[in-house]
């Protein structure tokens, strides 16, 4: 598995809108081949304007394929209206994961 980790600098008064925007892209994400899960995180202390979005994919090929569709750019445009500057985007190999069953 592979993950895309995107770091945003969210405007302080726009956090709720940012979370709603992230939630709004879930239906599009679920249609992407190889998509597994999405995490939206904010540090507990120290950096209240920072937010991370982690999307997990079955393979690097699936992650890369999502970049070739309009999906990623639609998602970025929805999120960036709540942010300052352009996000930092990195790819990571997932070495270990465990998800609790619903």
N, C-alpha and C. Protein backbone atom coordinates (compact mmCIF):
# COMPACT_ATOMS: atom_id res chain seq x y z
N UNK A 1 0.83 -1.18 0.00
CA UNK A 1 0.00 0.00 0.00
C UNK A 1 0.87 1.24 0.00
N UNK A 2 0.27 2.32 -0.48
CA UNK A 2 0.95 3.61 -0.52
C UNK A 2 0.00 4.70 -0.03
N UNK A 3 0.59 5.80 0.45
CA UNK A 3 -0.22 6.91 0.97
C UNK A 3 0.26 8.22 0.35
N UNK A 4 -0.71 9.09 0.13
CA UNK A 4 -0.42 10.47 -0.25
C UNK A 4 -0.66 11.30 1.01
N UNK A 5 0.36 12.04 1.43
CA UNK A 5 0.26 12.89 2.61
C UNK A 5 0.34 14.33 2.13
N UNK A 6 -0.74 15.07 2.37
CA UNK A 6 -0.81 16.45 1.92
C UNK A 6 -0.94 17.36 3.14
N UNK A 7 -0.03 18.33 3.24
CA UNK A 7 -0.01 19.25 4.38
C UNK A 7 -0.55 20.60 3.95
N UNK A 8 -1.57 21.05 4.66
CA UNK A 8 -2.22 22.33 4.37
C UNK A 8 -2.00 23.30 5.52
N UNK A 9 -2.04 24.59 5.22
CA UNK A 9 -2.03 25.65 6.22
C UNK A 9 -3.40 26.31 6.16
N UNK A 10 -4.27 25.88 7.06
CA UNK A 10 -5.67 26.29 7.05
C UNK A 10 -5.83 27.63 7.75
N UNK A 11 -6.58 28.52 7.13
CA UNK A 11 -6.89 29.81 7.77
C UNK A 11 -7.65 29.52 9.06
N UNK A 12 -7.31 30.20 10.16
CA UNK A 12 -7.90 29.89 11.47
C UNK A 12 -9.42 29.90 11.49
N UNK A 13 -10.03 30.80 10.78
CA UNK A 13 -11.49 30.90 10.79
C UNK A 13 -12.17 29.99 9.76
N UNK A 14 -11.39 29.16 9.07
CA UNK A 14 -11.95 28.34 8.00
C UNK A 14 -11.80 26.83 8.24
N UNK A 15 -11.50 26.43 9.46
CA UNK A 15 -11.29 25.01 9.74
C UNK A 15 -12.55 24.19 9.47
N UNK A 16 -13.69 24.65 9.92
CA UNK A 16 -14.94 23.90 9.70
C UNK A 16 -15.22 23.74 8.21
N UNK A 17 -15.00 24.79 7.44
CA UNK A 17 -15.19 24.72 5.99
C UNK A 17 -14.21 23.75 5.35
N UNK A 18 -12.99 23.73 5.84
CA UNK A 18 -11.97 22.81 5.33
C UNK A 18 -12.40 21.36 5.55
N UNK A 19 -12.89 21.05 6.75
CA UNK A 19 -13.34 19.69 7.06
C UNK A 19 -14.54 19.32 6.19
N UNK A 20 -15.47 20.25 6.00
CA UNK A 20 -16.63 19.98 5.13
C UNK A 20 -16.19 19.74 3.69
N UNK A 21 -15.20 20.51 3.23
CA UNK A 21 -14.68 20.32 1.87
C UNK A 21 -14.04 18.94 1.74
N UNK A 22 -13.28 18.53 2.76
CA UNK A 22 -12.66 17.19 2.73
C UNK A 22 -13.75 16.12 2.69
N UNK A 23 -14.79 16.32 3.47
CA UNK A 23 -15.90 15.36 3.49
C UNK A 23 -16.60 15.30 2.13
N UNK A 24 -16.67 16.43 1.46
CA UNK A 24 -17.35 16.48 0.16
C UNK A 24 -16.63 15.72 -0.94
N UNK A 25 -15.33 15.47 -0.78
CA UNK A 25 -14.59 14.73 -1.82
C UNK A 25 -14.65 13.22 -1.61
N UNK A 26 -15.20 12.77 -0.48
CA UNK A 26 -15.26 11.32 -0.21
C UNK A 26 -15.99 10.54 -1.29
N UNK A 27 -17.14 10.99 -1.79
CA UNK A 27 -17.80 10.22 -2.86
C UNK A 27 -16.91 10.06 -4.11
N UNK A 28 -16.15 11.10 -4.45
CA UNK A 28 -15.23 11.01 -5.59
C UNK A 28 -14.10 10.03 -5.29
N UNK A 29 -13.59 10.09 -4.06
CA UNK A 29 -12.50 9.20 -3.66
C UNK A 29 -12.92 7.74 -3.75
N UNK A 30 -14.11 7.45 -3.27
CA UNK A 30 -14.60 6.07 -3.26
C UNK A 30 -14.70 5.47 -4.66
N UNK A 31 -14.81 6.32 -5.68
CA UNK A 31 -14.89 5.85 -7.06
C UNK A 31 -13.52 5.59 -7.67
N UNK A 32 -12.46 6.01 -7.00
CA UNK A 32 -11.11 5.84 -7.52
C UNK A 32 -10.62 4.42 -7.27
N UNK A 33 -10.08 3.81 -8.29
CA UNK A 33 -9.54 2.46 -8.20
C UNK A 33 -8.44 2.40 -7.15
N UNK A 34 -8.56 1.46 -6.22
CA UNK A 34 -7.52 1.22 -5.23
C UNK A 34 -7.58 2.10 -4.00
N UNK A 35 -8.55 3.00 -3.91
CA UNK A 35 -8.66 3.85 -2.72
C UNK A 35 -9.05 3.00 -1.52
N UNK A 36 -8.39 3.23 -0.37
CA UNK A 36 -8.67 2.46 0.86
C UNK A 36 -9.30 3.30 1.95
N UNK A 37 -8.67 4.41 2.30
CA UNK A 37 -9.19 5.23 3.41
C UNK A 37 -8.63 6.64 3.34
N UNK A 38 -9.25 7.52 4.10
CA UNK A 38 -8.83 8.91 4.19
C UNK A 38 -8.78 9.32 5.65
N UNK A 39 -7.73 10.02 6.03
CA UNK A 39 -7.59 10.59 7.37
C UNK A 39 -7.38 12.09 7.23
N UNK A 40 -8.09 12.87 8.03
CA UNK A 40 -7.89 14.31 8.09
C UNK A 40 -7.44 14.60 9.52
N UNK A 41 -6.23 15.13 9.67
CA UNK A 41 -5.61 15.30 10.98
C UNK A 41 -5.21 16.76 11.22
N UNK A 42 -5.25 17.14 12.50
CA UNK A 42 -4.73 18.44 12.93
C UNK A 42 -3.92 18.20 14.19
N UNK A 43 -2.74 18.81 14.31
CA UNK A 43 -1.94 18.62 15.52
C UNK A 43 -2.71 19.05 16.77
N UNK A 44 -2.53 18.30 17.84
CA UNK A 44 -3.18 18.63 19.11
C UNK A 44 -2.62 19.91 19.72
N UNK A 45 -1.33 20.13 19.51
CA UNK A 45 -0.66 21.29 20.11
C UNK A 45 0.32 21.91 19.13
N UNK A 46 0.56 23.18 19.30
CA UNK A 46 1.68 23.81 18.63
C UNK A 46 1.43 24.41 17.26
N UNK A 47 0.64 23.77 16.42
CA UNK A 47 0.45 24.25 15.06
C UNK A 47 -1.03 24.19 14.68
N UNK A 48 -1.85 25.07 15.26
CA UNK A 48 -3.29 24.98 15.05
C UNK A 48 -3.73 25.24 13.61
N UNK A 49 -2.88 25.86 12.81
CA UNK A 49 -3.26 26.15 11.42
C UNK A 49 -2.82 25.05 10.44
N UNK A 50 -2.16 24.03 10.94
CA UNK A 50 -1.67 22.95 10.09
C UNK A 50 -2.71 21.83 10.06
N UNK A 51 -2.91 21.25 8.89
CA UNK A 51 -3.78 20.08 8.75
C UNK A 51 -3.13 19.12 7.76
N UNK A 52 -3.27 17.84 8.03
CA UNK A 52 -2.76 16.80 7.14
C UNK A 52 -3.93 15.99 6.62
N UNK A 53 -3.88 15.68 5.35
CA UNK A 53 -4.83 14.74 4.78
C UNK A 53 -4.01 13.58 4.23
N UNK A 54 -4.35 12.39 4.70
CA UNK A 54 -3.65 11.18 4.28
C UNK A 54 -4.65 10.29 3.56
N UNK A 55 -4.35 9.98 2.31
CA UNK A 55 -5.17 9.02 1.57
C UNK A 55 -4.33 7.77 1.35
N UNK A 56 -4.94 6.62 1.56
CA UNK A 56 -4.23 5.34 1.46
C UNK A 56 -4.78 4.58 0.26
N UNK A 57 -3.85 4.00 -0.50
CA UNK A 57 -4.16 3.34 -1.77
C UNK A 57 -3.58 1.94 -1.78
N UNK A 58 -4.21 1.04 -2.54
CA UNK A 58 -3.73 -0.34 -2.66
C UNK A 58 -2.31 -0.42 -3.21
N UNK A 59 -2.00 0.46 -4.17
CA UNK A 59 -0.68 0.39 -4.80
C UNK A 59 -0.23 1.78 -5.24
N UNK A 60 1.05 1.90 -5.53
CA UNK A 60 1.59 3.15 -6.05
C UNK A 60 0.95 3.47 -7.39
N UNK A 61 0.69 2.44 -8.18
CA UNK A 61 0.03 2.65 -9.48
C UNK A 61 -1.35 3.26 -9.31
N UNK A 62 -2.12 2.80 -8.32
CA UNK A 62 -3.44 3.37 -8.05
C UNK A 62 -3.32 4.83 -7.60
N UNK A 63 -2.37 5.10 -6.72
CA UNK A 63 -2.15 6.47 -6.25
C UNK A 63 -1.82 7.38 -7.43
N UNK A 64 -0.91 6.94 -8.28
CA UNK A 64 -0.50 7.72 -9.45
C UNK A 64 -1.66 7.91 -10.43
N UNK A 65 -2.47 6.87 -10.61
CA UNK A 65 -3.62 6.97 -11.53
C UNK A 65 -4.59 8.04 -11.06
N UNK A 66 -4.74 8.20 -9.74
CA UNK A 66 -5.65 9.22 -9.23
C UNK A 66 -5.16 10.62 -9.58
N UNK A 67 -3.87 10.77 -9.80
CA UNK A 67 -3.30 12.06 -10.18
C UNK A 67 -3.55 12.38 -11.65
N UNK A 68 -3.83 11.36 -12.45
CA UNK A 68 -4.04 11.56 -13.88
C UNK A 68 -5.49 11.89 -14.22
N UNK A 69 -6.37 11.71 -13.25
CA UNK A 69 -7.77 12.08 -13.47
C UNK A 69 -7.98 13.49 -12.93
N UNK A 70 -9.12 14.04 -13.20
CA UNK A 70 -9.42 15.38 -12.68
C UNK A 70 -9.70 15.36 -11.19
N UNK A 71 -9.90 14.18 -10.63
CA UNK A 71 -10.27 14.05 -9.23
C UNK A 71 -9.36 14.84 -8.29
N UNK A 72 -8.06 14.62 -8.38
CA UNK A 72 -7.12 15.25 -7.45
C UNK A 72 -7.22 16.77 -7.53
N UNK A 73 -7.34 17.31 -8.72
CA UNK A 73 -7.37 18.75 -8.91
C UNK A 73 -8.70 19.34 -8.43
N UNK A 74 -9.77 18.60 -8.58
CA UNK A 74 -11.06 19.04 -8.04
C UNK A 74 -11.00 19.07 -6.52
N UNK A 75 -10.42 18.03 -5.93
CA UNK A 75 -10.30 17.96 -4.48
C UNK A 75 -9.42 19.10 -3.96
N UNK A 76 -8.28 19.31 -4.60
CA UNK A 76 -7.38 20.38 -4.17
C UNK A 76 -8.06 21.74 -4.25
N UNK A 77 -8.80 21.98 -5.32
CA UNK A 77 -9.45 23.29 -5.46
C UNK A 77 -10.51 23.50 -4.39
N UNK A 78 -11.23 22.46 -4.00
CA UNK A 78 -12.22 22.58 -2.93
C UNK A 78 -11.57 22.90 -1.58
N UNK A 79 -10.42 22.29 -1.34
CA UNK A 79 -9.74 22.46 -0.06
C UNK A 79 -8.96 23.77 0.04
N UNK A 80 -8.34 24.16 -1.05
CA UNK A 80 -7.43 25.30 -1.02
C UNK A 80 -8.12 26.63 -0.77
N UNK A 81 -9.42 26.73 -1.01
CA UNK A 81 -10.11 27.99 -0.73
C UNK A 81 -10.15 28.29 0.76
N UNK A 82 -9.84 27.30 1.58
CA UNK A 82 -9.83 27.45 3.03
C UNK A 82 -8.41 27.59 3.58
N UNK A 83 -7.43 27.70 2.69
CA UNK A 83 -6.03 27.62 3.10
C UNK A 83 -5.22 28.83 2.64
N UNK A 84 -4.02 28.90 3.19
CA UNK A 84 -3.03 29.88 2.76
C UNK A 84 -1.94 29.13 2.01
N UNK A 85 -1.67 29.56 0.80
CA UNK A 85 -0.61 28.94 0.02
C UNK A 85 -0.98 27.59 -0.54
N UNK A 86 -0.03 27.01 -1.26
CA UNK A 86 -0.22 25.71 -1.88
C UNK A 86 0.24 24.62 -0.91
N UNK A 87 -0.47 23.48 -0.87
CA UNK A 87 -0.09 22.42 0.06
C UNK A 87 1.19 21.71 -0.37
N UNK A 88 1.81 21.06 0.60
CA UNK A 88 2.95 20.18 0.35
C UNK A 88 2.41 18.77 0.17
N UNK A 89 2.81 18.10 -0.90
CA UNK A 89 2.30 16.76 -1.19
C UNK A 89 3.47 15.79 -1.28
N UNK A 90 3.37 14.68 -0.51
CA UNK A 90 4.41 13.65 -0.52
C UNK A 90 3.76 12.28 -0.63
N UNK A 91 4.51 11.34 -1.15
CA UNK A 91 4.07 9.95 -1.25
C UNK A 91 4.89 9.11 -0.29
N UNK A 92 4.23 8.13 0.32
CA UNK A 92 4.91 7.25 1.28
C UNK A 92 4.46 5.81 1.05
N UNK A 93 5.37 4.89 1.26
CA UNK A 93 5.00 3.48 1.28
C UNK A 93 4.47 3.15 2.67
N UNK A 94 3.35 2.46 2.72
CA UNK A 94 2.77 2.05 3.99
C UNK A 94 3.43 0.73 4.38
N UNK A 95 4.16 0.72 5.49
CA UNK A 95 4.86 -0.48 5.93
C UNK A 95 4.01 -1.35 6.84
N UNK A 96 3.09 -0.73 7.58
CA UNK A 96 2.23 -1.48 8.49
C UNK A 96 0.94 -0.69 8.70
N UNK A 97 -0.16 -1.37 8.72
CA UNK A 97 -1.44 -0.73 9.01
C UNK A 97 -2.38 -1.73 9.66
N UNK A 98 -3.26 -1.23 10.48
CA UNK A 98 -4.29 -2.05 11.09
C UNK A 98 -5.51 -1.17 11.28
N UNK A 99 -6.62 -1.60 10.74
CA UNK A 99 -7.87 -0.86 10.89
C UNK A 99 -8.84 -1.72 11.69
N UNK A 100 -9.48 -1.12 12.65
CA UNK A 100 -10.48 -1.85 13.43
C UNK A 100 -11.71 -2.10 12.56
N UNK A 101 -12.31 -3.24 12.73
CA UNK A 101 -13.52 -3.57 11.98
C UNK A 101 -14.68 -2.75 12.54
N UNK A 102 -15.57 -2.34 11.65
CA UNK A 102 -16.75 -1.57 12.09
C UNK A 102 -17.74 -2.44 12.82
